[in-house]
C-alpha atoms as a PDB file:
ATOM      1  CA  MET A   1     -57.223 147.858  96.659  1.00  0.00           C
ATOM      2  CA  ASN A   2     -53.686 147.748  97.640  1.00  0.00           C
ATOM      3  CA  TYR A   3     -54.282 147.212 101.228  1.00  0.00           C
ATOM      4  CA  LYS A   4     -51.674 143.983 102.292  1.00  0.00           C
ATOM      5  CA  ASN A   5     -52.209 141.301 104.812  1.00  0.00           C
ATOM      6  CA  SER A   6     -51.576 138.304 105.063  1.00  0.00           C
ATOM      7  CA  ASN A   7     -54.612 136.397 104.043  1.00  0.00           C
ATOM      8  CA  PRO A   8     -54.931 135.629 100.944  1.00  0.00           C
ATOM      9  CA  VAL A   9     -59.272 135.420 100.550  1.00  0.00           C
ATOM     10  CA  PRO A  10     -60.064 138.920  99.801  1.00  0.00           C
ATOM     11  CA  LEU A  11     -61.334 141.348 102.345  1.00  0.00           C
ATOM     12  CA  GLY A  12     -65.052 141.033 100.047  1.00  0.00           C
ATOM     13  CA  GLU A  13     -65.213 137.255 100.708  1.00  0.00           C
ATOM     14  CA  ARG A  14     -64.543 137.145 104.436  1.00  0.00           C
ATOM     15  CA  LYS A  15     -66.960 137.177 106.992  1.00  0.00           C
ATOM     16  CA  TYR A  16     -65.481 138.542 109.642  1.00  0.00           C
ATOM     17  CA  LEU A  17     -62.717 141.681 109.257  1.00  0.00           C
ATOM     18  CA  THR A  18     -61.135 143.644 112.076  1.00  0.00           C
ATOM     19  CA  LYS A  19     -61.397 147.403 112.655  1.00  0.00           C
ATOM     20  CA  LYS A  20     -58.189 147.981 109.930  1.00  0.00           C
ATOM     21  CA  GLU A  21     -59.755 145.634 107.196  1.00  0.00           C
ATOM     22  CA  THR A  22     -63.540 147.160 107.695  1.00  0.00           C
ATOM     23  CA  SER A  23     -61.555 150.396 107.550  1.00  0.00           C
ATOM     24  CA  HIS A  24     -59.910 149.941 104.242  1.00  0.00           C
ATOM     25  CA  TYR A  25     -63.302 147.769 103.037  1.00  0.00           C
ATOM     26  CA  THR A  26     -65.825 150.499 103.395  1.00  0.00           C
ATOM     27  CA  GLY A  27     -63.745 153.653 103.698  1.00  0.00           C
ATOM     28  CA  ILE A  28     -64.568 154.768 106.922  1.00  0.00           C
ATOM     29  CA  GLY A  29     -61.910 155.896 109.464  1.00  0.00           C
ATOM     30  CA  ILE A  30     -61.035 153.995 112.599  1.00  0.00           C
ATOM     31  CA  ARG A  31     -62.062 155.847 114.995  1.00  0.00           C
ATOM     32  CA  LYS A  32     -65.272 156.394 113.690  1.00  0.00           C
ATOM     33  CA  ILE A  33     -66.139 153.024 112.902  1.00  0.00           C
ATOM     34  CA  ILE A  34     -65.120 152.549 116.681  1.00  0.00           C
ATOM     35  CA  ASP A  35     -67.381 155.119 117.990  1.00  0.00           C
ATOM     36  CA  ILE A  36     -70.040 153.395 115.705  1.00  0.00           C
ATOM     37  CA  ILE A  37     -69.171 150.196 118.019  1.00  0.00           C
ATOM     38  CA  ASN A  38     -69.104 151.833 121.279  1.00  0.00           C
ATOM     39  CA  SER A  39     -71.968 153.480 120.833  1.00  0.00           C
ATOM     40  CA  GLY A  40     -73.954 150.088 120.795  1.00  0.00           C
ATOM     41  CA  GLU A  41     -75.488 151.399 117.614  1.00  0.00           C
ATOM     42  CA  PHE A  42     -74.252 148.085 115.683  1.00  0.00           C
ATOM     43  CA  GLU A  43     -73.740 144.676 118.255  1.00  0.00           C
ATOM     44  CA  ASP A  44     -72.849 142.238 115.320  1.00  0.00           C
ATOM     45  CA  VAL A  45     -69.360 142.099 116.593  1.00  0.00           C
ATOM     46  CA  ILE A  46     -67.163 139.242 117.990  1.00  0.00           C
ATOM     47  CA  TYR A  47     -63.800 139.939 120.852  1.00  0.00           C
ATOM     48  CA  ILE A  48     -61.532 137.719 121.042  1.00  0.00           C
ATOM     49  CA  GLY A  49     -58.712 137.048 123.198  1.00  0.00           C
ATOM     50  CA  LYS A  50     -57.782 138.542 126.421  1.00  0.00           C
ATOM     51  CA  GLN A  51     -57.242 141.636 124.549  1.00  0.00           C
ATOM     52  CA  HIS A  52     -60.841 141.990 122.848  1.00  0.00           C
ATOM     53  CA  ARG A  53     -59.592 142.235 119.435  1.00  0.00           C
ATOM     54  CA  VAL A  54     -62.796 143.265 117.788  1.00  0.00           C
ATOM     55  CA  MET A  55     -64.281 141.483 115.129  1.00  0.00           C
ATOM     56  CA  ILE A  56     -66.831 142.982 112.589  1.00  0.00           C
ATOM     57  CA  ASP A  57     -69.250 140.790 110.683  1.00  0.00           C
ATOM     58  CA  ARG A  58     -69.307 141.839 106.963  1.00  0.00           C
ATOM     59  CA  VAL A  59     -72.451 141.656 105.714  1.00  0.00           C
ATOM     60  CA  ALA A  60     -73.987 142.648 108.867  1.00  0.00           C
ATOM     61  CA  PHE A  61     -71.928 145.833 108.899  1.00  0.00           C
ATOM     62  CA  GLU A  62     -72.531 146.371 105.233  1.00  0.00           C
ATOM     63  CA  GLU A  63     -76.380 146.436 106.319  1.00  0.00           C
ATOM     64  CA  PHE A  64     -76.109 148.812 108.443  1.00  0.00           C
ATOM     65  CA  LEU A  65     -74.099 151.131 106.546  1.00  0.00           C
ATOM     66  CA  LYS A  66     -76.875 151.072 103.689  1.00  0.00           C
ATOM     67  CA  SER A  67     -80.201 151.312 106.284  1.00  0.00           C
ATOM     68  CA  LYS A  68     -77.938 154.461 107.804  1.00  0.00           C
ATOM     69  CA  LYS A  69     -79.048 157.670 105.770  1.00  0.00           C
ATOM     70  CA  TYR A  70     -75.736 159.772 107.665  1.00  0.00           C
ATOM     71  CA  LEU A  71     -72.810 158.711 109.927  1.00  0.00           C
END
């Protein structure tokens, strides 16, 4: 994967990912990830700081994707 970031831990080994990292890891567009979170379909997220930065539980998101028949 050619995704560059400052964190040396591979995306597949992290507990939480940003929306952008989740997009690169899963191949799903950022807009679709935002839609999934905003719709309430997926709730295993943490909001950080005043800007409410979203951190997505990677394992729970993978299981969510496996359980869905379509997006």
